N, C-alpha and C. Protein backbone atom coordinates (compact mmCIF):
# COMPACT_ATOMS: atom_id res chain seq x y z
N MET A 1 -109.76 -133.09 52.95
CA MET A 1 -110.63 -131.99 52.62
C MET A 1 -110.07 -130.73 53.24
N GLU A 2 -110.21 -129.63 52.53
CA GLU A 2 -109.83 -128.32 53.03
C GLU A 2 -111.05 -127.42 53.02
N ILE A 3 -111.16 -126.61 54.08
CA ILE A 3 -112.26 -125.65 54.19
C ILE A 3 -111.65 -124.30 54.51
N SER A 4 -112.04 -123.29 53.75
CA SER A 4 -111.69 -121.93 54.10
C SER A 4 -112.99 -121.12 54.05
N SER A 5 -112.98 -120.00 54.73
CA SER A 5 -114.22 -119.22 54.76
C SER A 5 -113.91 -117.73 54.77
N GLY A 6 -114.89 -116.98 54.33
CA GLY A 6 -114.83 -115.53 54.37
C GLY A 6 -116.18 -115.01 54.82
N THR A 7 -116.16 -113.91 55.55
CA THR A 7 -117.38 -113.36 56.12
C THR A 7 -117.67 -111.99 55.51
N ASP A 8 -118.94 -111.76 55.22
CA ASP A 8 -119.41 -110.47 54.72
C ASP A 8 -120.72 -110.17 55.44
N GLY A 9 -120.62 -109.50 56.59
CA GLY A 9 -121.80 -109.25 57.41
C GLY A 9 -122.31 -110.56 58.00
N ASP A 10 -123.60 -110.87 57.73
CA ASP A 10 -124.16 -112.11 58.26
C ASP A 10 -124.09 -113.25 57.23
N LEU A 11 -123.27 -113.06 56.20
CA LEU A 11 -123.06 -114.08 55.18
C LEU A 11 -121.66 -114.66 55.34
N VAL A 12 -121.59 -115.98 55.33
CA VAL A 12 -120.30 -116.66 55.36
C VAL A 12 -120.21 -117.56 54.14
N GLN A 13 -119.11 -117.43 53.42
CA GLN A 13 -118.89 -118.28 52.26
C GLN A 13 -117.78 -119.27 52.59
N PHE A 14 -118.10 -120.55 52.40
CA PHE A 14 -117.15 -121.62 52.63
C PHE A 14 -116.65 -122.13 51.29
N HIS A 15 -115.35 -122.24 51.14
CA HIS A 15 -114.76 -122.91 49.98
C HIS A 15 -114.35 -124.29 50.46
N VAL A 16 -114.93 -125.30 49.85
CA VAL A 16 -114.68 -126.68 50.24
C VAL A 16 -113.91 -127.36 49.10
N ALA A 17 -112.84 -128.07 49.47
CA ALA A 17 -112.03 -128.75 48.46
C ALA A 17 -111.75 -130.18 48.91
N GLY A 18 -111.79 -131.11 47.97
CA GLY A 18 -111.51 -132.51 48.28
C GLY A 18 -112.78 -133.34 48.32
N ASN A 19 -112.78 -134.35 49.18
CA ASN A 19 -113.93 -135.23 49.33
C ASN A 19 -114.73 -134.83 50.56
N LEU A 20 -116.04 -134.79 50.42
CA LEU A 20 -116.93 -134.49 51.54
C LEU A 20 -117.63 -135.79 51.89
N ASP A 21 -117.10 -136.47 52.92
CA ASP A 21 -117.59 -137.80 53.27
C ASP A 21 -117.65 -137.96 54.78
N SER A 22 -117.82 -139.18 55.25
CA SER A 22 -117.97 -139.41 56.69
C SER A 22 -116.73 -139.02 57.48
N ALA A 23 -115.57 -139.10 56.87
CA ALA A 23 -114.34 -138.72 57.58
C ALA A 23 -114.15 -137.21 57.65
N THR A 24 -114.68 -136.48 56.67
CA THR A 24 -114.41 -135.05 56.58
C THR A 24 -115.60 -134.15 56.90
N SER A 25 -116.80 -134.68 56.79
CA SER A 25 -117.98 -133.82 57.00
C SER A 25 -118.08 -133.24 58.41
N PRO A 26 -117.59 -133.92 59.48
CA PRO A 26 -117.64 -133.27 60.79
C PRO A 26 -116.86 -131.95 60.84
N SER A 27 -115.81 -131.83 60.05
CA SER A 27 -115.06 -130.56 59.99
C SER A 27 -115.93 -129.45 59.41
N LEU A 28 -116.70 -129.78 58.40
CA LEU A 28 -117.60 -128.78 57.81
C LEU A 28 -118.69 -128.40 58.80
N THR A 29 -119.24 -129.38 59.49
CA THR A 29 -120.28 -129.11 60.47
C THR A 29 -119.75 -128.20 61.58
N ARG A 30 -118.52 -128.46 62.04
CA ARG A 30 -117.92 -127.60 63.07
C ARG A 30 -117.71 -126.18 62.55
N ALA A 31 -117.26 -126.04 61.32
CA ALA A 31 -117.04 -124.71 60.74
C ALA A 31 -118.36 -123.94 60.64
N VAL A 32 -119.42 -124.64 60.24
CA VAL A 32 -120.74 -124.01 60.17
C VAL A 32 -121.21 -123.62 61.57
N ASP A 33 -121.02 -124.49 62.55
CA ASP A 33 -121.41 -124.19 63.93
C ASP A 33 -120.73 -122.92 64.43
N VAL A 34 -119.44 -122.79 64.14
CA VAL A 34 -118.69 -121.60 64.56
C VAL A 34 -119.25 -120.35 63.89
N ALA A 35 -119.51 -120.45 62.60
CA ALA A 35 -120.05 -119.30 61.86
C ALA A 35 -121.43 -118.90 62.37
N MET A 36 -122.28 -119.89 62.59
CA MET A 36 -123.62 -119.60 63.09
C MET A 36 -123.55 -119.00 64.49
N GLY A 37 -122.65 -119.51 65.31
CA GLY A 37 -122.47 -118.97 66.66
C GLY A 37 -121.99 -117.53 66.66
N ALA A 38 -121.31 -117.14 65.58
CA ALA A 38 -120.81 -115.77 65.46
C ALA A 38 -121.83 -114.85 64.78
N GLY A 39 -123.02 -115.37 64.49
CA GLY A 39 -124.08 -114.52 63.96
C GLY A 39 -124.38 -114.67 62.48
N ALA A 40 -123.80 -115.65 61.82
CA ALA A 40 -124.11 -115.87 60.40
C ALA A 40 -125.56 -116.31 60.26
N ARG A 41 -126.19 -115.86 59.19
CA ARG A 41 -127.55 -116.30 58.85
C ARG A 41 -127.60 -116.88 57.44
N HIS A 42 -126.70 -116.42 56.60
CA HIS A 42 -126.66 -116.85 55.20
C HIS A 42 -125.33 -117.56 54.94
N LEU A 43 -125.42 -118.74 54.34
CA LEU A 43 -124.24 -119.55 54.07
C LEU A 43 -124.16 -119.88 52.59
N ILE A 44 -122.97 -119.70 52.04
CA ILE A 44 -122.70 -120.09 50.66
C ILE A 44 -121.61 -121.15 50.69
N PHE A 45 -121.84 -122.22 49.95
CA PHE A 45 -120.85 -123.28 49.83
C PHE A 45 -120.30 -123.28 48.40
N ASP A 46 -119.03 -122.94 48.26
CA ASP A 46 -118.33 -123.00 46.98
C ASP A 46 -117.78 -124.42 46.86
N MET A 47 -118.38 -125.21 45.99
CA MET A 47 -118.06 -126.63 45.88
C MET A 47 -117.29 -126.95 44.59
N ARG A 48 -116.70 -125.93 43.96
CA ARG A 48 -116.00 -126.16 42.70
C ARG A 48 -114.90 -127.21 42.80
N ASP A 49 -114.29 -127.32 43.98
CA ASP A 49 -113.17 -128.24 44.15
C ASP A 49 -113.52 -129.50 44.94
N VAL A 50 -114.82 -129.79 45.04
CA VAL A 50 -115.25 -131.02 45.70
C VAL A 50 -115.37 -132.10 44.63
N ARG A 51 -114.62 -133.17 44.82
CA ARG A 51 -114.58 -134.26 43.83
C ARG A 51 -115.60 -135.35 44.13
N TYR A 52 -115.99 -135.46 45.40
CA TYR A 52 -116.87 -136.57 45.81
C TYR A 52 -117.67 -136.11 47.02
N VAL A 53 -118.94 -136.51 47.06
CA VAL A 53 -119.77 -136.25 48.24
C VAL A 53 -120.55 -137.52 48.56
N SER A 54 -120.54 -137.88 49.85
CA SER A 54 -121.28 -139.06 50.32
C SER A 54 -122.54 -138.60 51.04
N SER A 55 -123.29 -139.56 51.54
CA SER A 55 -124.50 -139.22 52.30
C SER A 55 -124.14 -138.42 53.55
N ALA A 56 -123.00 -138.68 54.15
CA ALA A 56 -122.56 -137.90 55.32
C ALA A 56 -122.29 -136.46 54.92
N GLY A 57 -121.72 -136.26 53.75
CA GLY A 57 -121.49 -134.90 53.26
C GLY A 57 -122.79 -134.18 52.99
N LEU A 58 -123.75 -134.89 52.40
CA LEU A 58 -125.07 -134.30 52.18
C LEU A 58 -125.72 -133.94 53.51
N ARG A 59 -125.56 -134.80 54.50
CA ARG A 59 -126.13 -134.53 55.82
C ARG A 59 -125.54 -133.25 56.41
N ALA A 60 -124.23 -133.02 56.22
CA ALA A 60 -123.60 -131.80 56.73
C ALA A 60 -124.21 -130.56 56.08
N ILE A 61 -124.49 -130.64 54.78
CA ILE A 61 -125.13 -129.52 54.08
C ILE A 61 -126.56 -129.33 54.59
N LEU A 62 -127.28 -130.44 54.81
CA LEU A 62 -128.65 -130.37 55.32
C LEU A 62 -128.68 -129.74 56.71
N ILE A 63 -127.77 -130.13 57.58
CA ILE A 63 -127.70 -129.55 58.93
C ILE A 63 -127.46 -128.05 58.82
N ALA A 64 -126.56 -127.65 57.94
CA ALA A 64 -126.28 -126.22 57.75
C ALA A 64 -127.52 -125.48 57.27
N ALA A 65 -128.24 -126.09 56.33
CA ALA A 65 -129.46 -125.46 55.81
C ALA A 65 -130.51 -125.29 56.89
N LYS A 66 -130.66 -126.30 57.74
CA LYS A 66 -131.64 -126.21 58.83
C LYS A 66 -131.24 -125.14 59.84
N GLN A 67 -129.94 -125.05 60.15
CA GLN A 67 -129.47 -124.02 61.07
C GLN A 67 -129.71 -122.63 60.49
N ALA A 68 -129.39 -122.45 59.23
CA ALA A 68 -129.59 -121.14 58.59
C ALA A 68 -131.07 -120.79 58.54
N GLN A 69 -131.90 -121.76 58.22
CA GLN A 69 -133.34 -121.52 58.16
C GLN A 69 -133.87 -121.11 59.53
N SER A 70 -133.41 -121.76 60.58
CA SER A 70 -133.89 -121.42 61.92
C SER A 70 -133.40 -120.04 62.36
N ALA A 71 -132.35 -119.53 61.70
CA ALA A 71 -131.85 -118.18 61.99
C ALA A 71 -132.43 -117.16 61.00
N ALA A 72 -133.50 -117.54 60.30
CA ALA A 72 -134.15 -116.69 59.30
C ALA A 72 -133.20 -116.33 58.16
N GLY A 73 -132.36 -117.29 57.80
CA GLY A 73 -131.42 -117.08 56.70
C GLY A 73 -131.60 -118.13 55.63
N GLY A 74 -130.49 -118.48 54.97
CA GLY A 74 -130.58 -119.46 53.91
C GLY A 74 -129.22 -119.99 53.50
N VAL A 75 -129.25 -120.96 52.60
CA VAL A 75 -128.04 -121.60 52.10
C VAL A 75 -128.10 -121.64 50.58
N ALA A 76 -126.96 -121.41 49.96
CA ALA A 76 -126.83 -121.58 48.51
C ALA A 76 -125.53 -122.34 48.24
N VAL A 77 -125.57 -123.18 47.23
CA VAL A 77 -124.42 -123.99 46.83
C VAL A 77 -124.12 -123.67 45.38
N PHE A 78 -122.84 -123.52 45.05
CA PHE A 78 -122.50 -123.32 43.65
C PHE A 78 -121.24 -124.10 43.27
N GLY A 79 -121.08 -124.28 41.96
CA GLY A 79 -119.88 -124.89 41.42
C GLY A 79 -119.82 -126.40 41.50
N LEU A 80 -120.96 -127.07 41.51
CA LEU A 80 -120.94 -128.53 41.61
C LEU A 80 -120.37 -129.16 40.35
N GLN A 81 -119.38 -130.04 40.52
CA GLN A 81 -118.90 -130.83 39.40
C GLN A 81 -120.00 -131.81 39.00
N ALA A 82 -119.95 -132.30 37.79
CA ALA A 82 -121.05 -133.12 37.25
C ALA A 82 -121.38 -134.31 38.14
N ASN A 83 -120.38 -135.04 38.62
CA ASN A 83 -120.67 -136.22 39.44
C ASN A 83 -121.26 -135.83 40.78
N VAL A 84 -120.85 -134.71 41.35
CA VAL A 84 -121.40 -134.24 42.62
C VAL A 84 -122.82 -133.71 42.40
N ALA A 85 -123.03 -133.00 41.31
CA ALA A 85 -124.38 -132.51 40.98
C ALA A 85 -125.34 -133.68 40.82
N GLN A 86 -124.86 -134.77 40.25
CA GLN A 86 -125.71 -135.95 40.09
C GLN A 86 -126.12 -136.52 41.45
N VAL A 87 -125.20 -136.55 42.40
CA VAL A 87 -125.52 -137.04 43.75
C VAL A 87 -126.58 -136.13 44.39
N PHE A 88 -126.41 -134.82 44.24
CA PHE A 88 -127.39 -133.88 44.78
C PHE A 88 -128.76 -134.11 44.15
N ALA A 89 -128.79 -134.33 42.84
CA ALA A 89 -130.06 -134.53 42.13
C ALA A 89 -130.72 -135.85 42.51
N ILE A 90 -129.95 -136.93 42.51
CA ILE A 90 -130.51 -138.25 42.82
C ILE A 90 -131.07 -138.28 44.25
N SER A 91 -130.38 -137.60 45.17
CA SER A 91 -130.82 -137.61 46.56
C SER A 91 -131.94 -136.61 46.83
N GLY A 92 -132.27 -135.78 45.85
CA GLY A 92 -133.32 -134.79 46.04
C GLY A 92 -132.84 -133.51 46.69
N PHE A 93 -131.55 -133.38 46.90
CA PHE A 93 -131.02 -132.18 47.56
C PHE A 93 -131.14 -130.94 46.69
N ASP A 94 -131.33 -131.13 45.39
CA ASP A 94 -131.53 -129.97 44.54
C ASP A 94 -132.89 -129.32 44.83
N ASN A 95 -133.74 -130.01 45.61
CA ASN A 95 -135.01 -129.43 46.05
C ASN A 95 -134.93 -128.92 47.48
N VAL A 96 -133.82 -129.18 48.17
CA VAL A 96 -133.67 -128.81 49.57
C VAL A 96 -132.85 -127.53 49.73
N VAL A 97 -131.80 -127.40 48.93
CA VAL A 97 -130.96 -126.21 48.98
C VAL A 97 -130.92 -125.57 47.60
N THR A 98 -130.64 -124.29 47.58
CA THR A 98 -130.51 -123.57 46.33
C THR A 98 -129.18 -123.91 45.69
N ILE A 99 -129.23 -124.42 44.47
CA ILE A 99 -128.01 -124.76 43.73
C ILE A 99 -127.96 -123.85 42.51
N VAL A 100 -126.86 -123.12 42.40
CA VAL A 100 -126.70 -122.17 41.30
C VAL A 100 -125.33 -122.38 40.66
N ALA A 101 -125.07 -121.65 39.59
CA ALA A 101 -123.85 -121.86 38.82
C ALA A 101 -122.65 -121.08 39.34
N SER A 102 -122.89 -119.92 39.97
CA SER A 102 -121.77 -119.05 40.29
C SER A 102 -121.94 -118.36 41.64
N GLU A 103 -120.86 -117.77 42.12
CA GLU A 103 -120.92 -117.02 43.37
C GLU A 103 -121.90 -115.85 43.29
N PRO A 104 -121.87 -115.04 42.23
CA PRO A 104 -122.86 -113.95 42.17
C PRO A 104 -124.30 -114.46 42.23
N ASP A 105 -124.56 -115.59 41.54
CA ASP A 105 -125.91 -116.17 41.59
C ASP A 105 -126.26 -116.60 43.01
N ALA A 106 -125.29 -117.16 43.73
CA ALA A 106 -125.52 -117.60 45.11
C ALA A 106 -125.85 -116.39 45.99
N ARG A 107 -125.05 -115.34 45.85
CA ARG A 107 -125.31 -114.12 46.64
C ARG A 107 -126.67 -113.53 46.31
N ASN A 108 -127.00 -113.49 45.03
CA ASN A 108 -128.31 -112.95 44.62
C ASN A 108 -129.45 -113.79 45.16
N SER A 109 -129.30 -115.10 45.16
CA SER A 109 -130.38 -115.96 45.65
C SER A 109 -130.63 -115.74 47.13
N LEU A 110 -129.56 -115.45 47.88
CA LEU A 110 -129.72 -115.23 49.32
C LEU A 110 -130.22 -113.83 49.61
N SER A 111 -129.82 -112.86 48.82
CA SER A 111 -130.27 -111.49 49.07
C SER A 111 -131.72 -111.31 48.71
N SER A 112 -132.23 -112.16 47.79
CA SER A 112 -133.63 -112.05 47.41
C SER A 112 -134.53 -112.98 48.21
N ALA A 113 -133.92 -113.80 49.07
CA ALA A 113 -134.71 -114.73 49.87
C ALA A 113 -135.37 -113.98 51.02
N PRO A 114 -136.56 -114.42 51.40
CA PRO A 114 -137.21 -113.79 52.55
C PRO A 114 -136.39 -114.02 53.82
N GLY A 115 -136.44 -113.06 54.71
CA GLY A 115 -135.73 -113.22 55.98
C GLY A 115 -134.64 -112.27 56.01
């Protein structure tokens, strides 16, 4: 898995590529921890290049969402491939985090969120 990020004020966008599973999700959690420690409140996950997500990967997204919420911010996810979107839907994560189609939609969802 590869993770890159960009910062825009208190918003950090992560581009995640590869598989998000028990072997790789700790890297995402560490990246989120660093961003939150630096003052991020809003997190966007670009998942266009994620081929597979396991329960550990979902847990990493959930931890990020809880951290952002406690900082009066939010999380948005975009670009889910069909099989990954199915995992999010079956697990109920589509009710836990904002899932949108594009980066502009993700930014808009966070800018219109309370907090």
